[in-house]
């Protein structure tokens, strides 16, 4: 019975964090890009990283991927990117969770958490910018136009990553303290 309760808590938290990721994506500032695309400065990555910290690589990855992909599906500008977004955001949170909580550790080391958040963000940025570059070329845009678009996305992604790392690490410290007081870690396994 205890194993079943742990699974229920885990599924519920994946849903809660997925919803937080989804909603936080709406807090954004759109930035036009050279090839008619759109980039944004937003708060979604904060909750993707928090998902990785709290739920670990798999649960956090699922919450981040599902929440972000649902946002894309509900926004006509991003609907075609939803499968990529699911994978890229899954990996953002999974890398963070994998580094922050190795071999079942509890993620209490601040320096490791900063490195985990930064590594997850760098992996996401590399995938996102690589996709943007290839997509621009496949759409027939000239190389200088594609490079300008990728450079614009690099700036907005860098800002998103910086905000996400700076906010998620101390926010996780607060959440982790509350989880310990509530003995929620025990319930999750």
N, C-alpha and C. Protein backbone atom coordinates (compact mmCIF):
# COMPACT_ATOMS: atom_id res chain seq x y z
N UNK A 1 0.82 -1.20 0.00
CA UNK A 1 0.00 0.00 0.00
C UNK A 1 0.86 1.26 0.00
N UNK A 2 1.98 1.25 0.73
CA UNK A 2 2.84 2.41 0.81
C UNK A 2 3.39 2.78 -0.58
N UNK A 3 3.76 1.77 -1.37
CA UNK A 3 4.27 2.03 -2.71
C UNK A 3 3.21 2.73 -3.56
N UNK A 4 1.95 2.31 -3.45
CA UNK A 4 0.86 2.94 -4.19
C UNK A 4 0.67 4.39 -3.81
N UNK A 5 0.80 4.69 -2.52
CA UNK A 5 0.67 6.09 -2.09
C UNK A 5 1.80 6.95 -2.63
N UNK A 6 3.02 6.40 -2.66
CA UNK A 6 4.16 7.14 -3.21
C UNK A 6 3.92 7.45 -4.68
N UNK A 7 3.38 6.48 -5.41
CA UNK A 7 3.08 6.69 -6.82
C UNK A 7 2.04 7.77 -7.01
N UNK A 8 1.02 7.77 -6.16
CA UNK A 8 -0.03 8.79 -6.25
C UNK A 8 0.54 10.17 -5.98
N UNK A 9 1.35 10.31 -4.92
CA UNK A 9 1.97 11.60 -4.63
C UNK A 9 2.82 12.06 -5.82
N UNK A 10 3.57 11.14 -6.39
CA UNK A 10 4.43 11.49 -7.52
C UNK A 10 3.63 11.96 -8.72
N UNK A 11 2.57 11.24 -9.05
CA UNK A 11 1.73 11.62 -10.19
C UNK A 11 1.08 12.98 -9.95
N UNK A 12 0.59 13.18 -8.74
CA UNK A 12 -0.04 14.47 -8.41
C UNK A 12 0.97 15.60 -8.54
N UNK A 13 2.19 15.40 -8.04
CA UNK A 13 3.19 16.46 -8.12
C UNK A 13 3.62 16.73 -9.56
N UNK A 14 3.69 15.69 -10.39
CA UNK A 14 3.99 15.91 -11.81
C UNK A 14 2.90 16.80 -12.42
N UNK A 15 1.64 16.51 -12.08
CA UNK A 15 0.53 17.33 -12.58
C UNK A 15 0.59 18.76 -12.07
N UNK A 16 0.89 18.93 -10.79
CA UNK A 16 0.96 20.28 -10.20
C UNK A 16 2.10 21.07 -10.84
N UNK A 17 3.27 20.45 -10.94
CA UNK A 17 4.39 21.17 -11.54
C UNK A 17 4.19 21.39 -13.04
N UNK A 18 3.55 20.44 -13.72
CA UNK A 18 3.22 20.66 -15.12
C UNK A 18 2.30 21.87 -15.30
N UNK A 19 1.33 22.00 -14.39
CA UNK A 19 0.43 23.16 -14.43
C UNK A 19 1.19 24.45 -14.14
N UNK A 20 2.13 24.41 -13.20
CA UNK A 20 2.93 25.61 -12.90
C UNK A 20 3.78 26.01 -14.11
N UNK A 21 4.35 25.02 -14.78
CA UNK A 21 5.14 25.31 -15.98
C UNK A 21 4.24 25.92 -17.05
N UNK A 22 3.09 25.32 -17.27
CA UNK A 22 2.14 25.80 -18.28
C UNK A 22 1.76 27.26 -18.02
N UNK A 23 1.31 27.55 -16.81
CA UNK A 23 0.84 28.90 -16.47
C UNK A 23 1.98 29.91 -16.51
N UNK A 24 3.15 29.53 -16.02
CA UNK A 24 4.27 30.48 -15.97
C UNK A 24 4.77 30.86 -17.36
N UNK A 25 4.48 30.05 -18.35
CA UNK A 25 4.85 30.41 -19.72
C UNK A 25 4.05 31.60 -20.24
N UNK A 26 2.90 31.85 -19.65
CA UNK A 26 2.09 33.00 -20.07
C UNK A 26 2.64 34.33 -19.56
N UNK A 27 3.50 34.28 -18.57
CA UNK A 27 4.15 35.50 -18.07
C UNK A 27 5.36 35.72 -18.96
N UNK A 28 5.17 36.50 -20.02
CA UNK A 28 6.23 36.61 -21.02
C UNK A 28 6.20 37.94 -21.76
N UNK A 29 7.34 38.21 -22.39
CA UNK A 29 7.48 39.37 -23.28
C UNK A 29 7.95 38.84 -24.62
N UNK A 30 7.10 38.93 -25.67
CA UNK A 30 7.51 38.41 -26.99
C UNK A 30 8.57 39.31 -27.64
N UNK A 31 9.51 38.66 -28.34
CA UNK A 31 10.57 39.37 -29.05
C UNK A 31 10.54 38.90 -30.50
N UNK A 32 10.31 39.81 -31.47
CA UNK A 32 10.30 39.41 -32.88
C UNK A 32 11.69 38.93 -33.33
N UNK A 33 11.70 37.97 -34.25
CA UNK A 33 12.94 37.41 -34.76
C UNK A 33 12.99 37.62 -36.26
N UNK A 34 14.20 37.68 -36.82
CA UNK A 34 14.43 38.08 -38.22
C UNK A 34 13.64 37.27 -39.25
N UNK A 35 13.43 35.99 -39.07
CA UNK A 35 12.78 35.19 -40.12
C UNK A 35 11.29 34.99 -39.86
N UNK A 36 10.66 35.96 -39.20
CA UNK A 36 9.23 35.90 -38.98
C UNK A 36 8.84 35.04 -37.79
N UNK A 37 9.82 34.53 -37.10
CA UNK A 37 9.59 33.68 -35.93
C UNK A 37 9.42 34.58 -34.70
N UNK A 38 9.17 33.97 -33.57
CA UNK A 38 9.00 34.71 -32.33
C UNK A 38 9.85 34.04 -31.26
N UNK A 39 10.44 34.86 -30.41
CA UNK A 39 11.12 34.36 -29.23
C UNK A 39 10.51 35.12 -28.05
N UNK A 40 10.75 34.66 -26.83
CA UNK A 40 10.13 35.31 -25.68
C UNK A 40 11.06 35.27 -24.48
N UNK A 41 10.91 36.27 -23.65
CA UNK A 41 11.47 36.21 -22.31
C UNK A 41 10.30 35.82 -21.42
N UNK A 42 10.47 34.72 -20.66
CA UNK A 42 9.35 34.18 -19.89
C UNK A 42 9.84 33.51 -18.61
N UNK A 43 8.89 33.11 -17.76
CA UNK A 43 9.22 32.49 -16.48
C UNK A 43 9.06 30.97 -16.48
N UNK A 44 8.73 30.38 -17.62
CA UNK A 44 8.51 28.95 -17.68
C UNK A 44 9.70 28.12 -17.26
N UNK A 45 10.90 28.56 -17.62
CA UNK A 45 12.08 27.76 -17.30
C UNK A 45 12.37 27.70 -15.81
N UNK A 46 11.91 28.69 -15.07
CA UNK A 46 12.07 28.64 -13.61
C UNK A 46 11.38 27.39 -13.07
N UNK A 47 10.17 27.16 -13.51
CA UNK A 47 9.40 26.03 -13.00
C UNK A 47 9.84 24.71 -13.63
N UNK A 48 10.42 24.76 -14.82
CA UNK A 48 11.03 23.55 -15.38
C UNK A 48 12.18 23.09 -14.49
N UNK A 49 13.04 24.03 -14.09
CA UNK A 49 14.16 23.69 -13.20
C UNK A 49 13.65 23.23 -11.84
N UNK A 50 12.66 23.93 -11.30
CA UNK A 50 12.09 23.51 -10.01
C UNK A 50 11.53 22.10 -10.10
N UNK A 51 10.94 21.76 -11.22
CA UNK A 51 10.43 20.40 -11.41
C UNK A 51 11.56 19.39 -11.30
N UNK A 52 12.68 19.69 -11.92
CA UNK A 52 13.84 18.80 -11.85
C UNK A 52 14.37 18.68 -10.44
N UNK A 53 14.43 19.80 -9.72
CA UNK A 53 14.91 19.78 -8.33
C UNK A 53 13.99 18.94 -7.44
N UNK A 54 12.71 19.20 -7.51
CA UNK A 54 11.75 18.59 -6.58
C UNK A 54 11.43 17.15 -6.96
N UNK A 55 11.24 16.88 -8.24
CA UNK A 55 10.74 15.58 -8.68
C UNK A 55 11.83 14.67 -9.24
N UNK A 56 13.04 15.18 -9.38
CA UNK A 56 14.11 14.37 -9.94
C UNK A 56 14.06 14.35 -11.46
N UNK A 57 14.96 13.58 -12.07
CA UNK A 57 15.08 13.62 -13.53
C UNK A 57 13.83 13.19 -14.30
N UNK A 58 13.21 12.09 -13.92
CA UNK A 58 12.08 11.59 -14.71
C UNK A 58 10.80 12.38 -14.42
N UNK A 59 10.42 12.48 -13.17
CA UNK A 59 9.20 13.23 -12.82
C UNK A 59 9.31 14.69 -13.20
N UNK A 60 10.47 15.29 -12.92
CA UNK A 60 10.68 16.69 -13.29
C UNK A 60 10.67 16.89 -14.79
N UNK A 61 11.30 15.95 -15.51
CA UNK A 61 11.30 16.03 -16.97
C UNK A 61 9.90 15.94 -17.54
N UNK A 62 9.11 15.03 -16.99
CA UNK A 62 7.72 14.89 -17.47
C UNK A 62 6.92 16.16 -17.20
N UNK A 63 7.03 16.70 -15.99
CA UNK A 63 6.29 17.93 -15.65
C UNK A 63 6.70 19.08 -16.56
N UNK A 64 8.01 19.26 -16.75
CA UNK A 64 8.50 20.35 -17.60
C UNK A 64 8.09 20.15 -19.05
N UNK A 65 8.22 18.93 -19.55
CA UNK A 65 7.88 18.65 -20.94
C UNK A 65 6.40 18.79 -21.22
N UNK A 66 5.59 18.21 -20.34
CA UNK A 66 4.13 18.27 -20.54
C UNK A 66 3.62 19.70 -20.41
N UNK A 67 4.02 20.40 -19.37
CA UNK A 67 3.55 21.78 -19.17
C UNK A 67 3.94 22.70 -20.32
N UNK A 68 5.19 22.57 -20.79
CA UNK A 68 5.67 23.42 -21.88
C UNK A 68 5.02 23.06 -23.21
N UNK A 69 4.87 21.76 -23.46
CA UNK A 69 4.23 21.34 -24.72
C UNK A 69 2.77 21.75 -24.75
N UNK A 70 2.09 21.67 -23.61
CA UNK A 70 0.69 22.13 -23.56
C UNK A 70 0.59 23.62 -23.86
N UNK A 71 1.55 24.39 -23.36
CA UNK A 71 1.57 25.82 -23.69
C UNK A 71 1.69 25.99 -25.20
N UNK A 72 2.63 25.26 -25.81
CA UNK A 72 2.82 25.38 -27.26
C UNK A 72 1.56 25.00 -28.03
N UNK A 73 0.89 23.95 -27.59
CA UNK A 73 -0.33 23.49 -28.28
C UNK A 73 -1.44 24.54 -28.20
N UNK A 74 -1.45 25.33 -27.15
CA UNK A 74 -2.50 26.35 -26.99
C UNK A 74 -2.12 27.70 -27.61
N UNK A 75 -0.94 27.80 -28.21
CA UNK A 75 -0.49 29.06 -28.79
C UNK A 75 -0.19 28.82 -30.27
N UNK A 76 -0.95 29.44 -31.19
CA UNK A 76 -0.76 29.19 -32.62
C UNK A 76 0.67 29.47 -33.11
N UNK A 77 1.38 30.37 -32.47
CA UNK A 77 2.75 30.67 -32.90
C UNK A 77 3.72 29.52 -32.63
N UNK A 78 3.36 28.65 -31.69
CA UNK A 78 4.30 27.59 -31.28
C UNK A 78 3.78 26.17 -31.48
N UNK A 79 2.57 26.00 -31.97
CA UNK A 79 1.95 24.67 -32.00
C UNK A 79 2.79 23.64 -32.75
N UNK A 80 3.44 24.01 -33.83
CA UNK A 80 4.24 23.06 -34.60
C UNK A 80 5.50 22.61 -33.84
N UNK A 81 5.91 23.40 -32.87
CA UNK A 81 7.11 23.08 -32.10
C UNK A 81 6.84 22.23 -30.86
N UNK A 82 5.59 21.91 -30.58
CA UNK A 82 5.25 21.21 -29.34
C UNK A 82 6.04 19.92 -29.11
N UNK A 83 6.22 19.04 -30.11
CA UNK A 83 6.99 17.82 -29.84
C UNK A 83 8.45 18.11 -29.47
N UNK A 84 9.05 19.08 -30.15
CA UNK A 84 10.42 19.47 -29.82
C UNK A 84 10.48 20.08 -28.42
N UNK A 85 9.50 20.92 -28.13
CA UNK A 85 9.45 21.56 -26.82
C UNK A 85 9.34 20.52 -25.72
N UNK A 86 8.49 19.51 -25.93
CA UNK A 86 8.37 18.46 -24.92
C UNK A 86 9.74 17.83 -24.64
N UNK A 87 10.43 17.44 -25.69
CA UNK A 87 11.73 16.78 -25.53
C UNK A 87 12.77 17.71 -24.92
N UNK A 88 12.87 18.94 -25.44
CA UNK A 88 13.90 19.86 -24.97
C UNK A 88 13.68 20.27 -23.51
N UNK A 89 12.43 20.55 -23.14
CA UNK A 89 12.14 20.94 -21.75
C UNK A 89 12.26 19.74 -20.82
N UNK A 90 11.89 18.55 -21.32
CA UNK A 90 12.11 17.34 -20.53
C UNK A 90 13.59 17.25 -20.17
N UNK A 91 14.46 17.42 -21.15
CA UNK A 91 15.90 17.32 -20.91
C UNK A 91 16.42 18.45 -20.03
N UNK A 92 15.85 19.64 -20.14
CA UNK A 92 16.22 20.75 -19.26
C UNK A 92 16.04 20.34 -17.80
N UNK A 93 14.87 19.85 -17.46
CA UNK A 93 14.58 19.47 -16.08
C UNK A 93 15.30 18.18 -15.69
N UNK A 94 15.40 17.23 -16.62
CA UNK A 94 16.04 15.94 -16.31
C UNK A 94 17.52 16.13 -15.99
N UNK A 95 18.21 16.93 -16.78
CA UNK A 95 19.63 17.18 -16.51
C UNK A 95 19.79 17.87 -15.16
N UNK A 96 18.94 18.84 -14.90
CA UNK A 96 18.97 19.53 -13.61
C UNK A 96 18.76 18.54 -12.46
N UNK A 97 17.72 17.74 -12.56
CA UNK A 97 17.42 16.77 -11.51
C UNK A 97 18.49 15.72 -11.35
N UNK A 98 19.06 15.29 -12.46
CA UNK A 98 20.10 14.27 -12.43
C UNK A 98 21.35 14.77 -11.72
N UNK A 99 21.74 16.02 -11.98
CA UNK A 99 22.94 16.58 -11.35
C UNK A 99 22.67 16.97 -9.90
N UNK A 100 21.49 17.54 -9.63
CA UNK A 100 21.19 18.03 -8.27
C UNK A 100 20.97 16.89 -7.28
N UNK A 101 20.45 15.77 -7.75
CA UNK A 101 20.11 14.68 -6.83
C UNK A 101 20.75 13.36 -7.27
N UNK A 102 22.09 13.31 -7.31
CA UNK A 102 22.73 12.06 -7.75
C UNK A 102 22.54 10.95 -6.73
N UNK A 103 22.32 9.74 -7.20
CA UNK A 103 22.19 8.56 -6.36
C UNK A 103 21.26 8.79 -5.17
N UNK A 104 20.15 9.45 -5.41
CA UNK A 104 19.14 9.63 -4.37
C UNK A 104 19.47 10.67 -3.33
N UNK A 105 20.51 11.50 -3.54
CA UNK A 105 20.79 12.54 -2.55
C UNK A 105 19.64 13.54 -2.53
N UNK A 106 19.62 14.39 -1.53
CA UNK A 106 18.45 15.23 -1.31
C UNK A 106 18.52 16.63 -1.92
N UNK A 107 19.53 16.94 -2.67
CA UNK A 107 19.58 18.23 -3.35
C UNK A 107 19.78 19.42 -2.43
N UNK A 108 20.53 19.23 -1.34
CA UNK A 108 20.73 20.33 -0.38
C UNK A 108 22.02 21.11 -0.61
N UNK A 109 22.78 20.77 -1.61
CA UNK A 109 24.06 21.44 -1.84
C UNK A 109 23.87 22.58 -2.83
N UNK A 110 24.01 23.80 -2.36
CA UNK A 110 23.72 24.98 -3.17
C UNK A 110 24.59 25.07 -4.42
N UNK A 111 25.88 24.83 -4.27
CA UNK A 111 26.77 24.94 -5.43
C UNK A 111 26.38 23.89 -6.48
N UNK A 112 26.09 22.68 -6.03
CA UNK A 112 25.66 21.63 -6.96
C UNK A 112 24.35 22.04 -7.63
N UNK A 113 23.44 22.66 -6.89
CA UNK A 113 22.16 23.08 -7.46
C UNK A 113 22.35 24.18 -8.50
N UNK A 114 23.27 25.09 -8.25
CA UNK A 114 23.56 26.14 -9.25
C UNK A 114 24.11 25.50 -10.52
N UNK A 115 25.04 24.57 -10.35
CA UNK A 115 25.61 23.88 -11.51
C UNK A 115 24.55 23.06 -12.24
N UNK A 116 23.66 22.42 -11.47
CA UNK A 116 22.59 21.62 -12.08
C UNK A 116 21.66 22.50 -12.91
N UNK A 117 21.26 23.63 -12.35
CA UNK A 117 20.36 24.54 -13.06
C UNK A 117 21.04 25.11 -14.31
N UNK A 118 22.32 25.47 -14.18
CA UNK A 118 23.05 26.02 -15.32
C UNK A 118 23.23 24.95 -16.41
N UNK A 119 23.57 23.72 -16.01
CA UNK A 119 23.76 22.65 -16.99
C UNK A 119 22.47 22.33 -17.73
N UNK A 120 21.36 22.24 -17.00
CA UNK A 120 20.07 22.00 -17.65
C UNK A 120 19.74 23.11 -18.64
N UNK A 121 20.02 24.34 -18.25
CA UNK A 121 19.74 25.49 -19.12
C UNK A 121 20.61 25.47 -20.36
N UNK A 122 21.88 25.11 -20.21
CA UNK A 122 22.79 25.06 -21.36
C UNK A 122 22.37 23.96 -22.34
N UNK A 123 21.98 22.80 -21.81
CA UNK A 123 21.51 21.72 -22.67
C UNK A 123 20.28 22.19 -23.46
N UNK A 124 19.34 22.82 -22.77
CA UNK A 124 18.14 23.31 -23.45
C UNK A 124 18.51 24.32 -24.54
N UNK A 125 19.37 25.28 -24.19
CA UNK A 125 19.74 26.32 -25.16
C UNK A 125 20.40 25.71 -26.39
N UNK A 126 21.28 24.75 -26.20
CA UNK A 126 21.96 24.12 -27.34
C UNK A 126 20.96 23.43 -28.26
N UNK A 127 20.02 22.71 -27.68
CA UNK A 127 19.00 22.03 -28.48
C UNK A 127 18.09 23.04 -29.20
N UNK A 128 17.62 24.04 -28.47
CA UNK A 128 16.70 25.03 -29.02
C UNK A 128 17.36 25.83 -30.14
N UNK A 129 18.59 26.28 -29.91
CA UNK A 129 19.28 27.08 -30.92
C UNK A 129 19.67 26.22 -32.13
N UNK A 130 20.06 24.97 -31.87
CA UNK A 130 20.36 24.07 -32.97
C UNK A 130 19.15 23.82 -33.85
N UNK A 131 18.01 23.59 -33.22
CA UNK A 131 16.76 23.40 -33.96
C UNK A 131 16.43 24.65 -34.77
N UNK A 132 16.58 25.81 -34.17
CA UNK A 132 16.27 27.07 -34.86
C UNK A 132 17.17 27.26 -36.08
N UNK A 133 18.44 26.92 -35.93
CA UNK A 133 19.38 27.04 -37.05
C UNK A 133 18.99 26.12 -38.19
N UNK A 134 18.78 24.84 -37.89
CA UNK A 134 18.41 23.87 -38.93
C UNK A 134 17.07 24.23 -39.56
N UNK A 135 16.11 24.61 -38.73
CA UNK A 135 14.79 24.96 -39.24
C UNK A 135 14.87 26.16 -40.19
N UNK A 136 15.65 27.16 -39.82
CA UNK A 136 15.81 28.33 -40.69
C UNK A 136 16.39 27.97 -42.04
N UNK A 137 17.39 27.09 -42.04
CA UNK A 137 17.99 26.66 -43.31
C UNK A 137 17.02 25.82 -44.13
N UNK A 138 16.28 24.93 -43.45
CA UNK A 138 15.32 24.09 -44.17
C UNK A 138 14.17 24.89 -44.77
N UNK A 139 13.86 26.02 -44.14
CA UNK A 139 12.80 26.89 -44.68
C UNK A 139 13.29 27.75 -45.84
N UNK A 140 14.59 27.63 -46.16
CA UNK A 140 15.13 28.34 -47.31
C UNK A 140 15.62 29.74 -47.02
N UNK A 141 15.75 30.11 -45.79
CA UNK A 141 16.26 31.45 -45.45
C UNK A 141 17.76 31.52 -45.73
N UNK A 142 18.21 32.70 -46.05
CA UNK A 142 19.64 32.92 -46.29
C UNK A 142 20.40 32.78 -44.97
N UNK A 143 21.65 32.34 -45.05
CA UNK A 143 22.46 32.10 -43.86
C UNK A 143 22.56 33.33 -42.96
N UNK A 144 22.82 34.54 -43.49
CA UNK A 144 22.89 35.70 -42.59
C UNK A 144 21.57 35.95 -41.83
N UNK A 145 20.45 35.71 -42.48
CA UNK A 145 19.16 35.87 -41.83
C UNK A 145 18.97 34.84 -40.72
N UNK A 146 19.37 33.60 -41.01
CA UNK A 146 19.27 32.53 -40.01
C UNK A 146 20.17 32.85 -38.82
N UNK A 147 21.37 33.29 -39.09
CA UNK A 147 22.30 33.61 -38.00
C UNK A 147 21.80 34.78 -37.15
N UNK A 148 21.16 35.76 -37.79
CA UNK A 148 20.58 36.87 -37.04
C UNK A 148 19.45 36.38 -36.14
N UNK A 149 18.61 35.50 -36.68
CA UNK A 149 17.51 34.94 -35.89
C UNK A 149 18.05 34.13 -34.72
N UNK A 150 19.06 33.31 -34.97
CA UNK A 150 19.64 32.49 -33.91
C UNK A 150 20.30 33.38 -32.86
N UNK A 151 20.96 34.45 -33.30
CA UNK A 151 21.59 35.37 -32.35
C UNK A 151 20.55 36.03 -31.44
N UNK A 152 19.41 36.42 -32.03
CA UNK A 152 18.33 37.00 -31.24
C UNK A 152 17.82 35.99 -30.22
N UNK A 153 17.63 34.76 -30.67
CA UNK A 153 17.15 33.71 -29.76
C UNK A 153 18.20 33.37 -28.71
N UNK A 154 19.47 33.50 -29.05
CA UNK A 154 20.53 33.28 -28.07
C UNK A 154 20.44 34.29 -26.93
N UNK A 155 20.18 35.53 -27.28
CA UNK A 155 20.06 36.57 -26.26
C UNK A 155 18.85 36.30 -25.37
N UNK A 156 17.68 36.05 -25.96
CA UNK A 156 16.49 35.82 -25.14
C UNK A 156 16.62 34.53 -24.33
N UNK A 157 17.19 33.50 -24.93
CA UNK A 157 17.39 32.24 -24.19
C UNK A 157 18.38 32.43 -23.05
N UNK A 158 19.41 33.22 -23.28
CA UNK A 158 20.37 33.51 -22.22
C UNK A 158 19.74 34.26 -21.07
N UNK A 159 18.88 35.21 -21.40
CA UNK A 159 18.17 35.95 -20.34
C UNK A 159 17.24 35.00 -19.59
N UNK A 160 16.49 34.17 -20.32
CA UNK A 160 15.61 33.19 -19.67
C UNK A 160 16.40 32.26 -18.76
N UNK A 161 17.54 31.79 -19.26
CA UNK A 161 18.37 30.87 -18.47
C UNK A 161 18.89 31.56 -17.21
N UNK A 162 19.37 32.79 -17.36
CA UNK A 162 19.89 33.52 -16.21
C UNK A 162 18.82 33.74 -15.15
N UNK A 163 17.65 34.18 -15.59
CA UNK A 163 16.53 34.39 -14.66
C UNK A 163 16.17 33.07 -13.99
N UNK A 164 16.08 32.00 -14.77
CA UNK A 164 15.68 30.70 -14.23
C UNK A 164 16.66 30.20 -13.18
N UNK A 165 17.96 30.31 -13.44
CA UNK A 165 18.95 29.84 -12.47
C UNK A 165 18.91 30.69 -11.21
N UNK A 166 18.89 32.01 -11.39
CA UNK A 166 18.93 32.92 -10.24
C UNK A 166 17.69 32.77 -9.35
N UNK A 167 16.54 32.51 -9.94
CA UNK A 167 15.31 32.39 -9.15
C UNK A 167 15.08 30.97 -8.64
N UNK A 168 15.34 29.97 -9.47
CA UNK A 168 14.98 28.60 -9.09
C UNK A 168 15.81 28.04 -7.94
N UNK A 169 17.08 28.37 -7.87
CA UNK A 169 17.93 27.79 -6.81
C UNK A 169 17.49 28.26 -5.42
N UNK A 170 17.35 29.55 -5.17
CA UNK A 170 16.88 29.94 -3.82
C UNK A 170 15.42 29.54 -3.57
N UNK A 171 14.60 29.54 -4.61
CA UNK A 171 13.21 29.12 -4.44
C UNK A 171 13.14 27.64 -4.07
N UNK A 172 14.00 26.84 -4.69
CA UNK A 172 14.05 25.43 -4.33
C UNK A 172 14.49 25.25 -2.88
N UNK A 173 15.43 26.06 -2.43
CA UNK A 173 15.87 25.95 -1.03
C UNK A 173 14.70 26.16 -0.08
N UNK A 174 13.84 27.11 -0.39
CA UNK A 174 12.65 27.37 0.44
C UNK A 174 11.67 26.20 0.33
N UNK A 175 11.43 25.72 -0.88
CA UNK A 175 10.51 24.60 -1.08
C UNK A 175 11.04 23.35 -0.40
N UNK A 176 12.34 23.11 -0.52
CA UNK A 176 12.94 21.93 0.09
C UNK A 176 12.80 21.96 1.61
N UNK A 177 12.98 23.12 2.21
CA UNK A 177 12.81 23.26 3.67
C UNK A 177 11.36 22.95 4.06
N UNK A 178 10.42 23.46 3.30
CA UNK A 178 9.01 23.18 3.59
C UNK A 178 8.70 21.70 3.40
N UNK A 179 9.25 21.10 2.38
CA UNK A 179 9.02 19.68 2.14
C UNK A 179 9.58 18.82 3.28
N UNK A 180 10.73 19.23 3.82
CA UNK A 180 11.29 18.50 4.95
C UNK A 180 10.40 18.61 6.18
N UNK A 181 9.89 19.80 6.44
CA UNK A 181 9.01 20.00 7.60
C UNK A 181 7.72 19.18 7.46
N UNK A 182 7.22 19.08 6.25
CA UNK A 182 6.01 18.31 6.00
C UNK A 182 6.28 16.82 5.80
N UNK A 183 7.56 16.47 5.82
CA UNK A 183 8.01 15.09 5.58
C UNK A 183 7.51 14.57 4.23
N UNK A 184 7.43 15.47 3.26
CA UNK A 184 6.95 15.11 1.93
C UNK A 184 7.96 14.26 1.17
N UNK A 185 9.25 14.46 1.42
CA UNK A 185 10.28 13.64 0.77
C UNK A 185 10.07 12.17 1.09
N UNK A 186 9.71 11.87 2.33
CA UNK A 186 9.46 10.48 2.75
C UNK A 186 8.28 9.90 1.96
N UNK A 187 7.29 10.72 1.72
CA UNK A 187 6.10 10.24 1.02
C UNK A 187 6.38 9.99 -0.46
N UNK A 188 7.36 10.70 -1.00
CA UNK A 188 7.71 10.52 -2.40
C UNK A 188 8.71 9.39 -2.61
N UNK A 189 9.39 9.01 -1.57
CA UNK A 189 10.36 7.92 -1.68
C UNK A 189 11.67 8.45 -1.91
